[in-house]
Amino acid sequence: MGFKHPFISNPRLVIYYFSIWAAIITAEVLVNWFAYNNDPVKALAEAISLLLTFSILGLSIWYVIKSGSVERFNFIRILIYHFIAATILIFIWLYFATIIIKIIHPDAGKWLKDNLAANIFAGYILYLIYVLFFYAINYYQGFKEKLRNEGRLKALVKEAELHALKSQINPHFLFNSLNSISSLTMTDPAKAQEMVINLSDLMRYSLKHHQVDMVPLCEELQNSQLYLNIEKVRFGSKLKTHFKIEESCSDAVIPNMILQPIYENAIKHGVYEAIEPVTISTCCTRQNGMLKITISNNYDPSTITRKGEGIGLSNIRDRLQIIFGNPLLLNVETKNNQFKVTITIPQK
């Protein structure tokens, strides 16, 4: 914000400012002319020499209050500071007013001298009005700057939190995938090679979108299929997948890497210890500006004991809270040996 003048730096406000003073000068001349029967030329000379001159010099009071802000000095020092500044300004004002009025209407110079005390008092009143006005502007600008800084700080905190949550995801699935590759290098090198290729594409996607909050749904689903292809190599026919995506979802966007933990959770709790094949189904619908993604899988209740949400689902809930301010956009449901996770993403 600095010492930037609120009027001088804005041409439109300069026009408004001098328009107001022009109206005041016109009113002063008309009152002196018609109400007090003064010479209109003399009245104009008085108004221009005093009011117009102060309107120009008064703009400098902004720099006075910026140099002597209330944050830097106590109340008594502020009063002394402004009294001295006002006295200097009034002296300069009356000096130039005397010169101007003698140029426009020499006979009016005596009037200015005879009303010196009244003009000095008026000068202090005008200075006080300017000081209060500029202090109000200074406070308003400071308040807006504080709001902007708080907004930037919140954005930085939000970005840091999101990066922290993303950093929890990437090592998790990387660790699982490397374990799978390690187990296949001796038993099935071809499948291990296939997993390495898919993992490479998966990591490339993760790095590509690491700094982006929202990505197209189609890209996120392609990334999820890469992950599922890796796990299909590991589990074979034990893992089946099914996708049902409505056409209305084609241009939808979602937070990047947000589906990954759901599929990991389905693999860990549904496929890993199951004897029968497990199908992971993905359904996407869009209605009333909301994208609904439901990922469900069957599981064997005799081999699984679920104890609330795992770190992956909690991670998703935290991300939804940060991005949309609503942790309830994630819903987890267990019914009839089906584990279902539904994410609702607002669309613009």
Protein backbone atom coordinates (compact mmCIF):
# COMPACT_ATOMS: atom_id res chain seq x y z
CA MET A 1 0.00 0.00 0.00
CA GLY A 2 2.87 2.39 0.94
CA PHE A 3 2.37 6.15 0.37
CA LYS A 4 0.26 5.77 -2.78
CA HIS A 5 -2.28 8.61 -2.84
CA PRO A 6 -5.91 7.40 -3.03
CA PHE A 7 -6.93 10.31 -5.31
CA ILE A 8 -3.87 11.25 -7.37
CA SER A 9 -3.27 7.62 -8.36
CA ASN A 10 -6.85 7.37 -9.70
CA PRO A 11 -7.78 9.88 -12.47
CA ARG A 12 -11.49 9.22 -12.02
CA LEU A 13 -11.33 10.09 -8.31
CA VAL A 14 -9.37 13.27 -9.14
CA ILE A 15 -12.24 14.35 -11.40
CA TYR A 16 -14.80 13.58 -8.68
CA TYR A 17 -12.71 15.39 -6.07
CA PHE A 18 -12.35 18.65 -8.00
CA SER A 19 -15.96 18.43 -9.19
CA ILE A 20 -17.08 18.50 -5.57
CA TRP A 21 -14.83 21.47 -4.84
CA ALA A 22 -16.09 23.24 -7.98
CA ALA A 23 -19.64 22.81 -6.67
CA ILE A 24 -18.61 24.19 -3.25
CA ILE A 25 -16.87 27.19 -4.88
CA THR A 26 -19.91 27.87 -7.06
CA ALA A 27 -22.22 27.72 -4.05
CA GLU A 28 -19.95 30.09 -2.10
CA VAL A 29 -19.90 32.63 -4.92
CA LEU A 30 -23.68 32.50 -5.38
CA VAL A 31 -24.32 32.93 -1.64
CA ASN A 32 -21.98 35.95 -1.42
CA TRP A 33 -23.48 37.42 -4.56
CA PHE A 34 -27.18 37.01 -3.95
CA ALA A 35 -27.44 36.69 -0.16
CA TYR A 36 -24.90 39.37 0.83
CA ASN A 37 -24.97 41.50 -2.38
CA ASN A 38 -21.21 41.24 -2.79
CA ASP A 39 -19.46 41.95 -6.08
CA PRO A 40 -19.57 38.62 -8.01
CA VAL A 41 -16.01 39.09 -9.30
CA LYS A 42 -14.79 39.79 -5.78
CA ALA A 43 -16.74 36.77 -4.47
CA LEU A 44 -15.20 34.60 -7.20
CA ALA A 45 -11.72 35.90 -6.37
CA GLU A 46 -12.20 35.09 -2.69
CA ALA A 47 -13.54 31.59 -3.41
CA ILE A 48 -10.79 30.71 -5.88
CA SER A 49 -7.95 32.11 -3.76
CA LEU A 50 -9.10 30.35 -0.61
CA LEU A 51 -11.13 27.27 -1.50
CA LEU A 52 -9.44 26.22 -4.73
CA THR A 53 -5.99 26.75 -3.22
CA PHE A 54 -6.87 24.66 -0.16
CA SER A 55 -8.36 21.92 -2.35
CA ILE A 56 -4.96 21.57 -4.01
CA LEU A 57 -2.82 21.89 -0.88
CA GLY A 58 -5.19 19.65 1.08
CA LEU A 59 -4.19 16.66 -1.02
CA SER A 60 -0.75 16.78 0.62
CA ILE A 61 -2.32 15.98 4.02
CA TRP A 62 -2.45 12.33 2.91
CA TYR A 63 1.35 12.17 3.01
CA VAL A 64 1.31 13.87 6.41
CA ILE A 65 -0.86 11.17 7.99
CA LYS A 66 1.13 8.39 6.28
CA SER A 67 4.35 9.80 7.77
CA GLY A 68 2.82 10.15 11.22
CA SER A 69 0.62 7.08 11.51
CA VAL A 70 -1.08 6.29 14.81
CA GLU A 71 0.81 3.00 14.95
CA ARG A 72 4.14 4.83 15.23
CA PHE A 73 3.35 7.60 17.76
CA ASN A 74 1.23 8.06 20.86
CA PHE A 75 -1.85 10.29 20.94
CA ILE A 76 -0.12 13.43 22.33
CA ARG A 77 2.68 13.26 19.77
CA ILE A 78 0.11 12.80 17.00
CA LEU A 79 -1.73 15.94 18.13
CA ILE A 80 1.49 17.99 18.25
CA TYR A 81 2.59 16.57 14.92
CA HIS A 82 -0.66 17.54 13.20
CA PHE A 83 -0.81 20.95 14.86
CA ILE A 84 2.62 21.80 13.49
CA ALA A 85 1.74 20.37 10.06
CA ALA A 86 -1.56 22.30 10.03
CA THR A 87 0.15 25.57 11.00
CA ILE A 88 2.71 25.20 8.21
CA LEU A 89 0.03 24.27 5.69
CA ILE A 90 -2.19 27.20 6.67
CA PHE A 91 0.72 29.63 6.38
CA ILE A 92 1.48 28.36 2.87
CA TRP A 93 -2.23 28.42 2.01
CA LEU A 94 -2.80 32.04 3.08
CA TYR A 95 0.44 33.14 1.43
CA PHE A 96 -0.59 31.78 -1.97
CA ALA A 97 -4.20 32.90 -1.44
CA THR A 98 -2.98 36.47 -0.92
CA ILE A 99 -0.97 36.40 -4.14
CA ILE A 100 -3.84 34.87 -6.16
CA ILE A 101 -6.52 37.24 -4.85
CA LYS A 102 -4.37 40.28 -5.62
CA ILE A 103 -3.91 39.03 -9.18
CA ILE A 104 -7.62 38.38 -9.75
CA HIS A 105 -9.11 41.28 -7.76
CA PRO A 106 -6.58 43.63 -6.05
CA ASP A 107 -9.29 45.34 -3.98
CA ALA A 108 -10.19 42.02 -2.35
CA GLY A 109 -6.76 41.75 -0.74
CA LYS A 110 -7.80 44.05 2.11
CA TRP A 111 -10.78 41.77 2.83
CA LEU A 112 -8.45 38.79 3.16
CA LYS A 113 -6.26 40.72 5.61
CA ASP A 114 -9.22 41.92 7.69
CA ASN A 115 -10.54 38.33 8.00
CA LEU A 116 -7.17 36.75 8.75
CA ALA A 117 -8.19 35.25 12.13
CA ALA A 118 -11.39 33.76 10.70
CA ASN A 119 -9.47 32.28 7.76
CA ILE A 120 -6.84 30.75 10.06
CA PHE A 121 -9.60 29.15 12.13
CA ALA A 122 -11.29 27.90 8.95
CA GLY A 123 -7.94 26.49 7.84
CA TYR A 124 -7.61 24.44 11.01
CA ILE A 125 -11.19 23.16 10.62
CA LEU A 126 -10.55 22.17 6.99
CA TYR A 127 -7.30 20.49 8.00
CA LEU A 128 -9.14 18.50 10.69
CA ILE A 129 -11.78 17.40 8.17
CA TYR A 130 -9.08 16.25 5.75
CA VAL A 131 -7.20 14.41 8.49
CA LEU A 132 -10.30 12.50 9.61
CA PHE A 133 -11.23 11.73 6.01
CA PHE A 134 -7.77 10.48 5.08
CA TYR A 135 -7.44 8.47 8.28
CA ALA A 136 -10.72 6.75 7.39
CA ILE A 137 -9.38 5.95 3.91
CA ASN A 138 -6.09 4.76 5.37
CA TYR A 139 -7.92 2.47 7.79
CA TYR A 140 -10.12 1.11 5.00
CA GLN A 141 -7.12 0.42 2.78
CA GLY A 142 -5.32 -1.26 5.64
CA PHE A 143 -8.39 -3.38 6.35
CA LYS A 144 -8.62 -4.47 2.70
CA GLU A 145 -4.91 -5.24 2.63
CA LYS A 146 -5.30 -7.33 5.77
CA LEU A 147 -8.15 -9.28 4.16
CA ARG A 148 -6.05 -9.85 1.03
CA ASN A 149 -3.10 -11.05 3.12
CA GLU A 150 -5.36 -13.37 5.12
CA GLY A 151 -6.79 -14.72 1.85
CA ARG A 152 -3.30 -15.36 0.48
CA LEU A 153 -2.27 -16.99 3.75
CA LYS A 154 -5.33 -19.26 3.72
CA ALA A 155 -4.59 -20.21 0.12
CA LEU A 156 -0.99 -21.08 1.03
CA VAL A 157 -2.12 -23.13 4.04
CA LYS A 158 -4.71 -24.90 1.91
CA GLU A 159 -2.08 -25.68 -0.74
CA ALA A 160 0.34 -26.96 1.89
CA GLU A 161 -2.35 -29.19 3.43
CA LEU A 162 -3.31 -30.61 0.05
CA HIS A 163 0.32 -31.35 -0.82
CA ALA A 164 0.76 -33.03 2.54
CA LEU A 165 -2.28 -35.23 1.92
CA LYS A 166 -1.12 -36.08 -1.60
CA SER A 167 2.31 -37.01 -0.30
CA GLN A 168 0.62 -39.57 1.97
CA ILE A 169 -1.07 -41.20 -1.03
CA ASN A 170 1.84 -41.56 -3.43
CA PRO A 171 4.20 -43.59 -1.20
CA HIS A 172 1.28 -45.81 -0.15
CA PHE A 173 0.36 -47.16 -3.56
CA LEU A 174 3.99 -47.13 -4.69
CA PHE A 175 4.94 -49.36 -1.76
CA ASN A 176 2.13 -51.82 -2.56
CA SER A 177 2.99 -51.90 -6.26
CA LEU A 178 6.70 -52.49 -5.65
CA ASN A 179 5.84 -55.35 -3.33
CA SER A 180 3.70 -56.89 -6.05
CA ILE A 181 6.45 -56.51 -8.65
CA SER A 182 8.98 -58.01 -6.27
CA SER A 183 6.83 -61.11 -5.75
CA LEU A 184 6.44 -61.60 -9.50
CA THR A 185 10.03 -61.13 -10.62
CA MET A 186 10.86 -64.74 -9.80
CA THR A 187 7.51 -66.42 -10.57
CA ASP A 188 6.35 -64.51 -13.65
CA PRO A 189 8.87 -62.02 -15.11
CA ALA A 190 6.52 -61.08 -17.99
CA LYS A 191 3.80 -60.00 -15.60
CA ALA A 192 6.37 -58.17 -13.52
CA GLN A 193 7.47 -56.26 -16.64
CA GLU A 194 3.85 -55.39 -17.41
CA MET A 195 3.41 -54.06 -13.89
CA VAL A 196 6.56 -51.94 -14.17
CA ILE A 197 5.23 -50.33 -17.37
CA ASN A 198 1.85 -49.61 -15.80
CA LEU A 199 3.48 -48.30 -12.65
CA SER A 200 5.67 -46.00 -14.75
CA ASP A 201 2.58 -44.55 -16.47
CA LEU A 202 0.87 -44.24 -13.10
CA MET A 203 3.76 -42.30 -11.57
CA ARG A 204 4.03 -40.09 -14.64
CA TYR A 205 0.38 -39.14 -14.22
CA SER A 206 0.90 -38.46 -10.53
CA LEU A 207 3.88 -36.16 -11.17
CA LYS A 208 2.15 -34.44 -14.08
CA HIS A 209 -0.84 -33.40 -11.99
CA HIS A 210 0.86 -33.01 -8.63
CA GLN A 211 0.37 -29.22 -8.59
CA VAL A 212 -3.18 -29.30 -9.99
CA ASP A 213 -6.22 -29.56 -7.73
CA MET A 214 -8.85 -30.49 -10.31
CA VAL A 215 -8.54 -32.75 -13.36
CA PRO A 216 -11.01 -34.12 -15.93
CA LEU A 217 -12.89 -37.19 -14.77
CA CYS A 218 -11.82 -39.16 -17.84
CA GLU A 219 -8.13 -38.67 -16.97
CA GLU A 220 -8.67 -39.72 -13.39
CA LEU A 221 -10.52 -42.85 -14.49
CA GLN A 222 -7.73 -43.75 -16.92
CA ASN A 223 -5.24 -43.38 -14.09
CA SER A 224 -7.42 -45.57 -11.86
CA GLN A 225 -7.56 -48.24 -14.56
CA LEU A 226 -3.77 -48.24 -14.66
CA TYR A 227 -3.73 -49.01 -10.97
CA LEU A 228 -6.36 -51.72 -11.34
CA ASN A 229 -4.41 -53.25 -14.24
CA ILE A 230 -1.40 -53.51 -11.96
CA GLU A 231 -3.46 -55.30 -9.34
CA LYS A 232 -5.09 -57.54 -11.94
CA VAL A 233 -1.66 -58.85 -12.84
CA ARG A 234 -1.16 -59.63 -9.18
CA PHE A 235 -4.55 -61.20 -8.41
CA GLY A 236 -5.54 -62.56 -11.82
CA SER A 237 -9.16 -63.72 -12.18
CA LYS A 238 -9.73 -63.04 -8.51
CA LEU A 239 -10.18 -59.35 -9.35
CA LYS A 240 -12.81 -58.11 -11.77
CA THR A 241 -13.74 -54.52 -12.61
CA HIS A 242 -16.83 -52.89 -14.07
CA PHE A 243 -17.32 -49.27 -15.17
CA LYS A 244 -20.61 -47.51 -15.90
CA ILE A 245 -20.06 -43.86 -16.83
CA GLU A 246 -22.92 -41.68 -18.04
CA GLU A 247 -22.28 -39.41 -21.05
CA SER A 248 -23.26 -36.38 -18.99
CA CYS A 249 -20.10 -36.92 -16.91
CA SER A 250 -17.75 -36.46 -19.88
CA ASP A 251 -16.77 -32.86 -19.03
CA ALA A 252 -16.84 -33.25 -15.23
CA VAL A 253 -13.78 -32.46 -13.09
CA ILE A 254 -12.69 -33.97 -9.78
CA PRO A 255 -9.74 -33.59 -7.37
CA ASN A 256 -6.76 -35.44 -8.77
CA MET A 257 -5.72 -38.81 -7.30
CA ILE A 258 -8.86 -38.87 -5.14
CA LEU A 259 -10.16 -42.21 -6.47
CA GLN A 260 -6.85 -44.02 -5.95
CA PRO A 261 -7.30 -44.61 -2.17
CA ILE A 262 -10.82 -46.00 -2.70
CA TYR A 263 -9.59 -48.66 -5.09
CA GLU A 264 -6.68 -49.41 -2.76
CA ASN A 265 -9.16 -49.84 0.08
CA ALA A 266 -11.28 -52.23 -2.04
CA ILE A 267 -8.19 -54.27 -2.92
CA LYS A 268 -6.97 -54.41 0.66
CA HIS A 269 -10.26 -55.27 2.35
CA GLY A 270 -12.15 -56.96 -0.48
CA VAL A 271 -9.74 -58.81 -2.77
CA TYR A 272 -6.69 -59.58 -0.67
CA GLU A 273 -8.20 -62.29 1.57
CA ALA A 274 -11.20 -63.26 -0.56
CA ILE A 275 -11.57 -66.79 -1.91
CA GLU A 276 -14.23 -66.02 -4.49
CA PRO A 277 -13.80 -63.38 -7.24
CA VAL A 278 -14.39 -59.80 -6.18
CA THR A 279 -15.88 -57.22 -8.55
CA ILE A 280 -15.06 -53.56 -8.10
CA SER A 281 -17.78 -51.50 -9.77
CA THR A 282 -17.53 -47.82 -10.63
CA CYS A 283 -20.66 -45.80 -11.45
CA CYS A 284 -20.68 -42.11 -12.35
CA THR A 285 -23.82 -39.99 -12.66
CA ARG A 286 -24.43 -36.26 -12.87
CA GLN A 287 -27.47 -34.35 -11.74
CA ASN A 288 -28.32 -30.83 -10.51
CA GLY A 289 -24.72 -29.64 -10.82
CA MET A 290 -23.36 -32.53 -8.75
CA LEU A 291 -21.18 -35.41 -9.92
CA LYS A 292 -21.75 -38.62 -7.99
CA ILE A 293 -19.12 -41.36 -8.14
CA THR A 294 -19.94 -44.67 -6.47
CA ILE A 295 -17.29 -47.37 -6.09
CA SER A 296 -18.46 -50.63 -4.58
CA ASN A 297 -17.07 -54.13 -4.07
CA ASN A 298 -18.31 -57.38 -2.60
CA TYR A 299 -16.37 -58.98 0.24
CA ASP A 300 -16.38 -62.04 2.42
CA PRO A 301 -17.56 -60.99 5.90
CA SER A 302 -16.05 -64.10 7.47
CA THR A 303 -12.51 -62.99 6.59
CA ILE A 304 -12.80 -59.24 7.13
CA THR A 305 -13.34 -57.15 10.21
CA ARG A 306 -13.86 -53.52 9.27
CA LYS A 307 -13.06 -50.96 11.94
CA GLY A 308 -14.24 -47.63 10.52
CA GLU A 309 -12.44 -45.70 7.83
CA GLY A 310 -8.84 -46.42 6.95
CA ILE A 311 -6.23 -43.74 6.37
CA GLY A 312 -7.06 -43.62 2.65
CA LEU A 313 -10.74 -42.78 3.14
CA SER A 314 -9.94 -40.36 5.96
CA ASN A 315 -7.46 -38.73 3.61
CA ILE A 316 -10.19 -38.26 1.01
CA ARG A 317 -12.57 -36.78 3.58
CA ASP A 318 -9.88 -34.29 4.64
CA ARG A 319 -9.23 -33.27 1.04
CA LEU A 320 -12.91 -32.70 0.38
CA GLN A 321 -13.08 -30.58 3.52
CA ILE A 322 -10.15 -28.44 2.34
CA ILE A 323 -11.26 -28.07 -1.27
CA PHE A 324 -15.04 -27.75 -0.87
CA GLY A 325 -15.44 -27.08 2.84
CA ASN A 326 -17.70 -30.10 3.24
CA PRO A 327 -16.46 -33.44 4.62
CA LEU A 328 -19.93 -34.95 4.12
CA LEU A 329 -19.29 -35.22 0.38
CA LEU A 330 -17.85 -38.66 1.17
CA ASN A 331 -20.28 -41.38 2.23
CA VAL A 332 -19.30 -44.92 3.26
CA GLU A 333 -21.91 -47.70 3.46
CA THR A 334 -21.72 -51.42 4.20
CA LYS A 335 -24.78 -53.52 3.33
CA ASN A 336 -25.44 -57.09 2.12
CA ASN A 337 -21.72 -57.91 1.91
CA GLN A 338 -21.20 -54.86 -0.30
CA PHE A 339 -18.83 -52.08 0.65
CA LYS A 340 -19.83 -48.86 -1.09
CA VAL A 341 -18.06 -45.51 -1.17
CA THR A 342 -19.83 -42.51 -2.73
CA ILE A 343 -18.16 -39.21 -3.50
CA THR A 344 -20.20 -36.18 -4.52
CA ILE A 345 -18.27 -33.45 -6.35
CA PRO A 346 -19.85 -30.03 -7.00
CA GLN A 347 -19.52 -28.93 -10.62
CA LYS A 348 -19.46 -25.33 -11.83
